[in-house]
Amino acid sequence: DFSRLQDALARLNLCPLGSGALAGTAYAIDREALALDLGFAGATRNSLDSVADRDHVVELMHCASLSMVHLSRFAEDLIFYNTGEAGFVELSDKVTSGSSLMPQKKNPDALELIRGKTGRVIGAQTGMLMTLKALPLAYNKDMQEDKEGLFDALDTWLMCLDMAALVLDDLRINVERTRAAAEGGYANATELADYLVARGIPFREAHHIVGATVVYALGVAKPLEGLSLAELQRFSPVIGEDVYPVLSLQATLGQRVAKGGVSPARVAEAVAFMQAHLAARYPA
């Protein structure tokens, strides 16, 4: 989102001054020098388009809209993680409120507002596009509609960014609950398939073996790593005692070492990258 906004800045940082009403000015002014004096990167190239254009408004609104979609998805995840059913996180009292009916309930107000405000920002962009879609070239009074929607969209976006940061300030993670969830759901089934492949079984066959093993494990209400060796060998005799370390949560995560993966080393690398990025952007 940050780089997209930087890209937009490169296109909107051009000065239309000197375009006149639509066809330029009869005075031989140096528009480039004027633009640079005013702090712009340069002057626009076409006077008619300069007056008729509102691409910069739409592009800024698009940056806001897409970022709000990301914030909304972030909010939805945390709303679910905060539910009693999931219980992965606990939100701070600063970003929640009590229920008007149920005294034990904490409503994730800030996150719900972020999710709700997303429609408002997208609506402003859609409204601007509809205003522009059939306008002839040069200035039309319809274009005064660009201000209200743009200012409201950007103000809303910035407030939601601040709110999202506030949500994260005192967020508490339920480590035991998240670990238990990660260990459930047979997420280590792929590791078992890879284990079989490493012992000479074609992946297509390994996939079938693991599928049958998971169906059995579901039937006896055990995780894969909870099955005895005899139970596992019912599905493939190549499975040995060395399978159990492979099926552990840490081993499952540790195998995801490719760029962007979830191994602890890659996660630490990603955090360090973002910390350096933020430090460069906002030096102390």
C-alpha atoms as a PDB file:
ATOM      1  CA  ASP A   1       0.000   0.000   0.000  1.00  0.00           C
ATOM      2  CA  PHE A   2       2.867   2.341   0.823  1.00  0.00           C
ATOM      3  CA  SER A   3       4.626   1.739  -2.492  1.00  0.00           C
ATOM      4  CA  ARG A   4       1.328   2.124  -4.367  1.00  0.00           C
ATOM      5  CA  LEU A   5       0.877   5.541  -2.771  1.00  0.00           C
ATOM      6  CA  GLN A   6       4.434   6.475  -3.769  1.00  0.00           C
ATOM      7  CA  ASP A   7       3.669   5.465  -7.350  1.00  0.00           C
ATOM      8  CA  ALA A   8       0.532   7.611  -7.320  1.00  0.00           C
ATOM      9  CA  LEU A   9       2.532  10.581  -6.039  1.00  0.00           C
ATOM     10  CA  ALA A  10       4.848  10.379  -9.052  1.00  0.00           C
ATOM     11  CA  ARG A  11       1.854  10.851 -11.372  1.00  0.00           C
ATOM     12  CA  LEU A  12      -0.024  13.516  -9.423  1.00  0.00           C
ATOM     13  CA  ASN A  13       3.023  15.653  -8.649  1.00  0.00           C
ATOM     14  CA  LEU A  14       2.597  17.740 -11.804  1.00  0.00           C
ATOM     15  CA  CYS A  15       1.480  21.358 -11.923  1.00  0.00           C
ATOM     16  CA  PRO A  16      -1.466  22.397 -14.169  1.00  0.00           C
ATOM     17  CA  LEU A  17      -0.883  26.141 -13.567  1.00  0.00           C
ATOM     18  CA  GLY A  18      -0.734  27.994 -16.867  1.00  0.00           C
ATOM     19  CA  SER A  19      -3.255  25.767 -18.623  1.00  0.00           C
ATOM     20  CA  GLY A  20      -5.839  28.542 -18.642  1.00  0.00           C
ATOM     21  CA  ALA A  21      -9.471  27.635 -19.024  1.00  0.00           C
ATOM     22  CA  LEU A  22      -8.611  24.820 -21.416  1.00  0.00           C
ATOM     23  CA  ALA A  23      -6.270  25.930 -24.202  1.00  0.00           C
ATOM     24  CA  GLY A  24      -3.323  27.379 -22.345  1.00  0.00           C
ATOM     25  CA  THR A  25      -2.294  31.017 -21.941  1.00  0.00           C
ATOM     26  CA  ALA A  26      -1.222  33.615 -24.498  1.00  0.00           C
ATOM     27  CA  TYR A  27       1.527  34.830 -22.140  1.00  0.00           C
ATOM     28  CA  ALA A  28       4.896  33.227 -22.822  1.00  0.00           C
ATOM     29  CA  ILE A  29       5.441  31.961 -19.287  1.00  0.00           C
ATOM     30  CA  ASP A  30       7.866  29.173 -18.429  1.00  0.00           C
ATOM     31  CA  ARG A  31       5.503  26.587 -16.985  1.00  0.00           C
ATOM     32  CA  GLU A  32       8.314  24.195 -16.076  1.00  0.00           C
ATOM     33  CA  ALA A  33      10.161  26.839 -14.064  1.00  0.00           C
ATOM     34  CA  LEU A  34       6.889  27.872 -12.423  1.00  0.00           C
ATOM     35  CA  ALA A  35       6.106  24.267 -11.480  1.00  0.00           C
ATOM     36  CA  LEU A  36       9.566  23.738  -9.975  1.00  0.00           C
ATOM     37  CA  ASP A  37       9.343  26.995  -8.025  1.00  0.00           C
ATOM     38  CA  LEU A  38       6.086  25.765  -6.515  1.00  0.00           C
ATOM     39  CA  GLY A  39       7.633  22.432  -5.472  1.00  0.00           C
ATOM     40  CA  PHE A  40       6.212  20.195  -8.185  1.00  0.00           C
ATOM     41  CA  ALA A  41       8.275  17.666 -10.157  1.00  0.00           C
ATOM     42  CA  GLY A  42       7.250  19.362 -13.415  1.00  0.00           C
ATOM     43  CA  ALA A  43       4.408  20.822 -15.442  1.00  0.00           C
ATOM     44  CA  THR A  44       1.564  18.914 -17.086  1.00  0.00           C
ATOM     45  CA  ARG A  45       2.010  18.404 -20.819  1.00  0.00           C
ATOM     46  CA  ASN A  46      -1.434  19.134 -22.222  1.00  0.00           C
ATOM     47  CA  SER A  47      -3.584  22.072 -21.168  1.00  0.00           C
ATOM     48  CA  LEU A  48      -6.904  20.536 -22.252  1.00  0.00           C
ATOM     49  CA  ASP A  49      -6.231  17.329 -20.363  1.00  0.00           C
ATOM     50  CA  SER A  50      -4.951  19.279 -17.349  1.00  0.00           C
ATOM     51  CA  VAL A  51      -8.307  20.967 -16.934  1.00  0.00           C
ATOM     52  CA  ALA A  52     -10.383  17.883 -17.734  1.00  0.00           C
ATOM     53  CA  ASP A  53      -8.327  15.358 -15.766  1.00  0.00           C
ATOM     54  CA  ARG A  54      -9.241  13.999 -12.342  1.00  0.00           C
ATOM     55  CA  ASP A  55      -7.164  10.835 -12.568  1.00  0.00           C
ATOM     56  CA  HIS A  56      -5.140  11.929  -9.548  1.00  0.00           C
ATOM     57  CA  VAL A  57      -8.326  12.058  -7.472  1.00  0.00           C
ATOM     58  CA  VAL A  58      -9.449   8.618  -8.606  1.00  0.00           C
ATOM     59  CA  GLU A  59      -5.990   7.141  -8.075  1.00  0.00           C
ATOM     60  CA  LEU A  60      -5.725   8.503  -4.540  1.00  0.00           C
ATOM     61  CA  MET A  61      -9.187   7.138  -3.819  1.00  0.00           C
ATOM     62  CA  HIS A  62      -8.093   3.798  -5.259  1.00  0.00           C
ATOM     63  CA  CYS A  63      -5.060   3.717  -2.958  1.00  0.00           C
ATOM     64  CA  ALA A  64      -7.384   4.426  -0.052  1.00  0.00           C
ATOM     65  CA  SER A  65      -9.990   1.874  -1.171  1.00  0.00           C
ATOM     66  CA  LEU A  66      -7.554  -0.987  -1.672  1.00  0.00           C
ATOM     67  CA  SER A  67      -5.776  -0.235   1.592  1.00  0.00           C
ATOM     68  CA  MET A  68      -9.153  -0.180   3.344  1.00  0.00           C
ATOM     69  CA  VAL A  69      -9.937  -3.604   1.863  1.00  0.00           C
ATOM     70  CA  HIS A  70      -6.704  -4.863   3.425  1.00  0.00           C
ATOM     71  CA  LEU A  71      -7.586  -3.222   6.738  1.00  0.00           C
ATOM     72  CA  SER A  72     -11.057  -4.730   6.578  1.00  0.00           C
ATOM     73  CA  ARG A  73      -9.652  -8.226   6.085  1.00  0.00           C
ATOM     74  CA  PHE A  74      -7.216  -7.596   8.950  1.00  0.00           C
ATOM     75  CA  ALA A  75     -10.179  -6.507  11.090  1.00  0.00           C
ATOM     76  CA  GLU A  76     -12.265  -9.533  10.148  1.00  0.00           C
ATOM     77  CA  ASP A  77      -9.456 -11.926  11.079  1.00  0.00           C
ATOM     78  CA  LEU A  78      -8.995 -10.316  14.496  1.00  0.00           C
ATOM     79  CA  ILE A  79     -12.754 -10.186  15.115  1.00  0.00           C
ATOM     80  CA  PHE A  80     -12.871 -13.952  14.566  1.00  0.00           C
ATOM     81  CA  TYR A  81      -9.672 -14.606  16.547  1.00  0.00           C
ATOM     82  CA  ASN A  82     -11.215 -12.646  19.440  1.00  0.00           C
ATOM     83  CA  THR A  83     -14.423 -14.712  19.575  1.00  0.00           C
ATOM     84  CA  GLY A  84     -15.055 -17.152  22.399  1.00  0.00           C
ATOM     85  CA  GLU A  85     -15.075 -19.977  19.854  1.00  0.00           C
ATOM     86  CA  ALA A  86     -11.538 -19.175  18.657  1.00  0.00           C
ATOM     87  CA  GLY A  87     -10.060 -17.412  21.668  1.00  0.00           C
ATOM     88  CA  PHE A  88      -6.730 -16.809  19.946  1.00  0.00           C
ATOM     89  CA  VAL A  89      -6.412 -13.166  21.030  1.00  0.00           C
ATOM     90  CA  GLU A  90      -7.827 -10.742  23.565  1.00  0.00           C
ATOM     91  CA  LEU A  91      -8.427  -7.156  22.520  1.00  0.00           C
ATOM     92  CA  SER A  92      -7.616  -4.220  24.767  1.00  0.00           C
ATOM     93  CA  ASP A  93     -10.377  -2.373  26.603  1.00  0.00           C
ATOM     94  CA  LYS A  94      -9.279   0.711  24.639  1.00  0.00           C
ATOM     95  CA  VAL A  95     -10.699  -0.705  21.407  1.00  0.00           C
ATOM     96  CA  THR A  96     -13.700  -2.622  22.765  1.00  0.00           C
ATOM     97  CA  SER A  97     -16.885  -1.809  24.635  1.00  0.00           C
ATOM     98  CA  GLY A  98     -19.286  -3.657  26.877  1.00  0.00           C
ATOM     99  CA  SER A  99     -22.502  -5.062  25.518  1.00  0.00           C
ATOM    100  CA  SER A 100     -25.701  -3.167  26.288  1.00  0.00           C
ATOM    101  CA  LEU A 101     -27.356  -6.478  27.217  1.00  0.00           C
ATOM    102  CA  MET A 102     -24.669  -9.038  28.081  1.00  0.00           C
ATOM    103  CA  PRO A 103     -22.332  -7.804  30.847  1.00  0.00           C
ATOM    104  CA  GLN A 104     -19.655 -10.429  30.094  1.00  0.00           C
ATOM    105  CA  LYS A 105     -19.325  -9.481  26.413  1.00  0.00           C
ATOM    106  CA  LYS A 106     -16.615  -7.272  24.880  1.00  0.00           C
ATOM    107  CA  ASN A 107     -17.576  -5.885  21.492  1.00  0.00           C
ATOM    108  CA  PRO A 108     -14.670  -5.370  19.026  1.00  0.00           C
ATOM    109  CA  ASP A 109     -15.886  -1.864  18.185  1.00  0.00           C
ATOM    110  CA  ALA A 110     -12.737  -0.484  16.559  1.00  0.00           C
ATOM    111  CA  LEU A 111     -12.401  -3.455  14.229  1.00  0.00           C
ATOM    112  CA  GLU A 112     -16.077  -3.448  13.308  1.00  0.00           C
ATOM    113  CA  LEU A 113     -15.850   0.272  12.512  1.00  0.00           C
ATOM    114  CA  ILE A 114     -12.816  -0.291  10.276  1.00  0.00           C
ATOM    115  CA  ARG A 115     -14.719  -3.013   8.467  1.00  0.00           C
ATOM    116  CA  GLY A 116     -17.770  -0.774   8.105  1.00  0.00           C
ATOM    117  CA  LYS A 117     -15.869   2.339   6.995  1.00  0.00           C
ATOM    118  CA  THR A 118     -14.396   0.364   4.087  1.00  0.00           C
ATOM    119  CA  GLY A 119     -17.706   0.559   2.229  1.00  0.00           C
ATOM    120  CA  ARG A 120     -17.754   4.309   2.724  1.00  0.00           C
ATOM    121  CA  VAL A 121     -14.325   4.763   1.110  1.00  0.00           C
ATOM    122  CA  ILE A 122     -15.064   2.394  -1.784  1.00  0.00           C
ATOM    123  CA  GLY A 123     -18.382   4.198  -2.271  1.00  0.00           C
ATOM    124  CA  ALA A 124     -16.598   7.539  -2.597  1.00  0.00           C
ATOM    125  CA  GLN A 125     -14.340   6.148  -5.310  1.00  0.00           C
ATOM    126  CA  THR A 126     -17.252   4.567  -7.155  1.00  0.00           C
ATOM    127  CA  GLY A 127     -19.180   7.840  -6.987  1.00  0.00           C
ATOM    128  CA  MET A 128     -16.255   9.761  -8.486  1.00  0.00           C
ATOM    129  CA  LEU A 129     -15.888   7.290 -11.332  1.00  0.00           C
ATOM    130  CA  MET A 130     -19.592   7.613 -12.096  1.00  0.00           C
ATOM    131  CA  THR A 131     -19.284  11.404 -12.129  1.00  0.00           C
ATOM    132  CA  LEU A 132     -16.460  11.245 -14.666  1.00  0.00           C
ATOM    133  CA  LYS A 133     -17.636   8.435 -16.895  1.00  0.00           C
ATOM    134  CA  ALA A 134     -19.513  10.495 -19.526  1.00  0.00           C
ATOM    135  CA  LEU A 135     -18.031  13.984 -19.211  1.00  0.00           C
ATOM    136  CA  PRO A 136     -16.742  15.748 -22.322  1.00  0.00           C
ATOM    137  CA  LEU A 137     -13.229  17.177 -22.254  1.00  0.00           C
ATOM    138  CA  ALA A 138     -12.341  20.360 -20.344  1.00  0.00           C
ATOM    139  CA  TYR A 139     -13.860  21.601 -17.114  1.00  0.00           C
ATOM    140  CA  ASN A 140     -17.465  20.822 -16.254  1.00  0.00           C
ATOM    141  CA  LYS A 141     -19.208  21.896 -13.080  1.00  0.00           C
ATOM    142  CA  ASP A 142     -19.839  18.223 -12.292  1.00  0.00           C
ATOM    143  CA  MET A 143     -16.178  18.081 -11.293  1.00  0.00           C
ATOM    144  CA  GLN A 144     -16.741  20.036  -8.127  1.00  0.00           C
ATOM    145  CA  GLU A 145     -18.053  16.730  -6.775  1.00  0.00           C
ATOM    146  CA  ASP A 146     -14.454  15.526  -6.501  1.00  0.00           C
ATOM    147  CA  LYS A 147     -13.707  17.415  -3.278  1.00  0.00           C
ATOM    148  CA  GLU A 148     -16.176  16.068  -0.739  1.00  0.00           C
ATOM    149  CA  GLY A 149     -15.656  12.406  -1.574  1.00  0.00           C
ATOM    150  CA  LEU A 150     -11.862  12.667  -1.784  1.00  0.00           C
ATOM    151  CA  PHE A 151     -11.416  14.531   1.495  1.00  0.00           C
ATOM    152  CA  ASP A 152     -13.809  12.226   3.327  1.00  0.00           C
ATOM    153  CA  ALA A 153     -12.161   9.091   1.889  1.00  0.00           C
ATOM    154  CA  LEU A 154      -8.641  10.193   2.850  1.00  0.00           C
ATOM    155  CA  ASP A 155      -9.698  11.332   6.334  1.00  0.00           C
ATOM    156  CA  THR A 156     -11.511   8.045   6.911  1.00  0.00           C
ATOM    157  CA  TRP A 157      -8.536   6.026   5.666  1.00  0.00           C
ATOM    158  CA  LEU A 158      -6.083   7.812   7.944  1.00  0.00           C
ATOM    159  CA  MET A 159      -8.347   7.434  10.969  1.00  0.00           C
ATOM    160  CA  CYS A 160      -8.728   3.712  10.284  1.00  0.00           C
ATOM    161  CA  LEU A 161      -4.946   3.304   9.980  1.00  0.00           C
ATOM    162  CA  ASP A 162      -4.541   4.976  13.365  1.00  0.00           C
ATOM    163  CA  MET A 163      -7.263   2.769  14.797  1.00  0.00           C
ATOM    164  CA  ALA A 164      -5.622  -0.399  13.439  1.00  0.00           C
ATOM    165  CA  ALA A 165      -2.339   0.599  15.077  1.00  0.00           C
ATOM    166  CA  LEU A 166      -4.175   1.177  18.368  1.00  0.00           C
ATOM    167  CA  VAL A 167      -5.735  -2.292  18.140  1.00  0.00           C
ATOM    168  CA  LEU A 168      -2.277  -3.847  17.941  1.00  0.00           C
ATOM    169  CA  ASP A 169      -0.807  -1.839  20.820  1.00  0.00           C
ATOM    170  CA  ASP A 170      -2.156  -3.994  23.669  1.00  0.00           C
ATOM    171  CA  LEU A 171      -3.225  -7.099  21.771  1.00  0.00           C
ATOM    172  CA  ARG A 172      -2.731 -10.212  23.893  1.00  0.00           C
ATOM    173  CA  ILE A 173      -2.081 -13.599  22.257  1.00  0.00           C
ATOM    174  CA  ASN A 174      -3.407 -16.805  23.802  1.00  0.00           C
ATOM    175  CA  VAL A 175      -0.318 -18.906  23.079  1.00  0.00           C
ATOM    176  CA  GLU A 176      -1.696 -22.224  24.315  1.00  0.00           C
ATOM    177  CA  ARG A 177      -4.949 -21.856  22.375  1.00  0.00           C
ATOM    178  CA  THR A 178      -3.184 -20.901  19.145  1.00  0.00           C
ATOM    179  CA  ARG A 179      -0.691 -23.751  19.512  1.00  0.00           C
ATOM    180  CA  ALA A 180      -3.498 -26.242  20.085  1.00  0.00           C
ATOM    181  CA  ALA A 181      -5.316 -24.983  16.987  1.00  0.00           C
ATOM    182  CA  ALA A 182      -2.143 -25.211  14.898  1.00  0.00           C
ATOM    183  CA  GLU A 183      -1.620 -28.788  16.050  1.00  0.00           C
ATOM    184  CA  GLY A 184      -5.181 -29.713  15.103  1.00  0.00           C
ATOM    185  CA  GLY A 185      -6.741 -30.083  11.683  1.00  0.00           C
ATOM    186  CA  TYR A 186      -4.097 -32.481  10.341  1.00  0.00           C
ATOM    187  CA  ALA A 187      -1.974 -29.663   8.927  1.00  0.00           C
ATOM    188  CA  ASN A 188       1.000 -32.033   9.131  1.00  0.00           C
ATOM    189  CA  ALA A 189      -0.507 -34.415   6.559  1.00  0.00           C
ATOM    190  CA  THR A 190       1.710 -32.931   3.850  1.00  0.00           C
ATOM    191  CA  GLU A 191       4.762 -33.685   6.000  1.00  0.00           C
ATOM    192  CA  LEU A 192       3.705 -37.330   6.162  1.00  0.00           C
ATOM    193  CA  ALA A 193       3.307 -37.396   2.379  1.00  0.00           C
ATOM    194  CA  ASP A 194       6.770 -35.843   1.916  1.00  0.00           C
ATOM    195  CA  TYR A 195       8.173 -38.389   4.375  1.00  0.00           C
ATOM    196  CA  LEU A 196       6.795 -41.196   2.199  1.00  0.00           C
ATOM    197  CA  VAL A 197       8.127 -39.614  -0.987  1.00  0.00           C
ATOM    198  CA  ALA A 198      11.598 -39.416   0.595  1.00  0.00           C
ATOM    199  CA  ARG A 199      11.367 -43.201   1.021  1.00  0.00           C
ATOM    200  CA  GLY A 200      10.697 -43.848  -2.648  1.00  0.00           C
ATOM    201  CA  ILE A 201       6.914 -43.743  -2.828  1.00  0.00           C
ATOM    202  CA  PRO A 202       5.537 -41.641  -5.742  1.00  0.00           C
ATOM    203  CA  PHE A 203       3.685 -38.565  -4.499  1.00  0.00           C
ATOM    204  CA  ARG A 204       0.408 -39.642  -6.128  1.00  0.00           C
ATOM    205  CA  GLU A 205       0.492 -42.875  -4.110  1.00  0.00           C
ATOM    206  CA  ALA A 206       1.733 -41.078  -0.979  1.00  0.00           C
ATOM    207  CA  HIS A 207      -1.172 -38.654  -1.283  1.00  0.00           C
ATOM    208  CA  HIS A 208      -3.622 -41.558  -1.334  1.00  0.00           C
ATOM    209  CA  ILE A 209      -1.927 -43.273   1.642  1.00  0.00           C
ATOM    210  CA  VAL A 210      -2.036 -40.114   3.731  1.00  0.00           C
ATOM    211  CA  GLY A 211      -5.668 -39.484   2.815  1.00  0.00           C
ATOM    212  CA  ALA A 212      -6.606 -42.949   4.058  1.00  0.00           C
ATOM    213  CA  THR A 213      -4.512 -42.419   7.200  1.00  0.00           C
ATOM    214  CA  VAL A 214      -6.275 -39.125   7.985  1.00  0.00           C
ATOM    215  CA  VAL A 215      -9.700 -40.743   7.530  1.00  0.00           C
ATOM    216  CA  TYR A 216      -8.661 -43.441  10.015  1.00  0.00           C
ATOM    217  CA  ALA A 217      -7.260 -40.852  12.463  1.00  0.00           C
ATOM    218  CA  LEU A 218     -10.525 -38.927  12.319  1.00  0.00           C
ATOM    219  CA  GLY A 219     -12.412 -42.096  13.087  1.00  0.00           C
ATOM    220  CA  VAL A 220     -10.373 -42.791  16.224  1.00  0.00           C
ATOM    221  CA  ALA A 221     -10.223 -39.074  17.175  1.00  0.00           C
ATOM    222  CA  LYS A 222      -6.419 -38.891  17.200  1.00  0.00           C
ATOM    223  CA  PRO A 223      -3.938 -36.556  15.524  1.00  0.00           C
ATOM    224  CA  LEU A 224      -1.509 -38.171  13.078  1.00  0.00           C
ATOM    225  CA  GLU A 225       1.322 -37.937  15.589  1.00  0.00           C
ATOM    226  CA  GLY A 226      -0.950 -39.611  18.161  1.00  0.00           C
ATOM    227  CA  LEU A 227      -1.263 -42.810  16.119  1.00  0.00           C
ATOM    228  CA  SER A 228       0.931 -45.699  17.152  1.00  0.00           C
ATOM    229  CA  LEU A 229       3.586 -47.014  14.801  1.00  0.00           C
ATOM    230  CA  ALA A 230       1.526 -50.152  14.255  1.00  0.00           C
ATOM    231  CA  GLU A 231      -1.462 -48.035  13.244  1.00  0.00           C
ATOM    232  CA  LEU A 232       0.625 -45.978  10.813  1.00  0.00           C
ATOM    233  CA  GLN A 233       2.206 -49.074   9.305  1.00  0.00           C
ATOM    234  CA  ARG A 234      -1.240 -50.402   8.449  1.00  0.00           C
ATOM    235  CA  PHE A 235      -1.174 -47.853   5.643  1.00  0.00           C
ATOM    236  CA  SER A 236       2.500 -48.104   4.650  1.00  0.00           C
ATOM    237  CA  PRO A 237       5.203 -50.457   5.922  1.00  0.00           C
ATOM    238  CA  VAL A 238       7.974 -47.931   5.121  1.00  0.00           C
ATOM    239  CA  ILE A 239       6.912 -45.722   8.039  1.00  0.00           C
ATOM    240  CA  GLY A 240       9.333 -45.959  10.951  1.00  0.00           C
ATOM    241  CA  GLU A 241       9.829 -44.423  14.374  1.00  0.00           C
ATOM    242  CA  ASP A 242      11.623 -41.501  12.730  1.00  0.00           C
ATOM    243  CA  VAL A 243       8.265 -40.234  11.435  1.00  0.00           C
ATOM    244  CA  TYR A 244       7.246 -38.699  14.782  1.00  0.00           C
ATOM    245  CA  PRO A 245       9.764 -35.819  14.820  1.00  0.00           C
ATOM    246  CA  VAL A 246       8.699 -35.046  11.243  1.00  0.00           C
ATOM    247  CA  LEU A 247       5.053 -34.673  12.319  1.00  0.00           C
ATOM    248  CA  SER A 248       5.702 -32.220  15.163  1.00  0.00           C
ATOM    249  CA  LEU A 249       4.434 -28.656  14.856  1.00  0.00           C
ATOM    250  CA  GLN A 250       7.947 -27.201  14.992  1.00  0.00           C
ATOM    251  CA  ALA A 251       9.135 -29.540  12.247  1.00  0.00           C
ATOM    252  CA  THR A 252       6.109 -28.711  10.103  1.00  0.00           C
ATOM    253  CA  LEU A 253       6.803 -24.992  10.431  1.00  0.00           C
ATOM    254  CA  GLY A 254      10.548 -25.411  10.125  1.00  0.00           C
ATOM    255  CA  GLN A 255      10.235 -27.030   6.695  1.00  0.00           C
ATOM    256  CA  ARG A 256       8.694 -23.844   5.234  1.00  0.00           C
ATOM    257  CA  VAL A 257      12.066 -22.215   4.582  1.00  0.00           C
ATOM    258  CA  ALA A 258      11.478 -20.780   1.096  1.00  0.00           C
ATOM    259  CA  LYS A 259      11.157 -17.006   0.807  1.00  0.00           C
ATOM    260  CA  GLY A 260       7.844 -15.899   2.295  1.00  0.00           C
ATOM    261  CA  GLY A 261       7.463 -19.147   4.244  1.00  0.00           C
ATOM    262  CA  VAL A 262       6.418 -19.539   7.868  1.00  0.00           C
ATOM    263  CA  SER A 263       9.520 -21.147   9.345  1.00  0.00           C
ATOM    264  CA  PRO A 264      10.654 -19.301  12.496  1.00  0.00           C
ATOM    265  CA  ALA A 265      13.786 -18.130  10.661  1.00  0.00           C
ATOM    266  CA  ARG A 266      11.775 -16.699   7.772  1.00  0.00           C
ATOM    267  CA  VAL A 267       9.277 -15.012  10.100  1.00  0.00           C
ATOM    268  CA  ALA A 268      12.136 -13.412  12.066  1.00  0.00           C
ATOM    269  CA  GLU A 269      13.667 -12.291   8.776  1.00  0.00           C
ATOM    270  CA  ALA A 270      10.367 -10.713   7.671  1.00  0.00           C
ATOM    271  CA  VAL A 271       9.976  -8.887  11.004  1.00  0.00           C
ATOM    272  CA  ALA A 272      13.549  -7.591  10.819  1.00  0.00           C
ATOM    273  CA  PHE A 273      12.997  -6.395   7.250  1.00  0.00           C
ATOM    274  CA  MET A 274       9.877  -4.438   8.217  1.00  0.00           C
ATOM    275  CA  GLN A 275      11.551  -2.966  11.300  1.00  0.00           C
ATOM    276  CA  ALA A 276      14.445  -1.728   9.130  1.00  0.00           C
ATOM    277  CA  HIS A 277      11.967  -0.411   6.547  1.00  0.00           C
ATOM    278  CA  LEU A 278      10.051   1.530   9.206  1.00  0.00           C
ATOM    279  CA  ALA A 279      13.246   2.819  10.824  1.00  0.00           C
ATOM    280  CA  ALA A 280      14.408   4.161   7.448  1.00  0.00           C
ATOM    281  CA  ARG A 281      11.019   5.770   6.803  1.00  0.00           C
ATOM    282  CA  TYR A 282      10.653   7.238  10.274  1.00  0.00           C
ATOM    283  CA  PRO A 283      14.164   7.837  11.692  1.00  0.00           C
ATOM    284  CA  ALA A 284      14.256   8.526  15.414  1.00  0.00           C
END
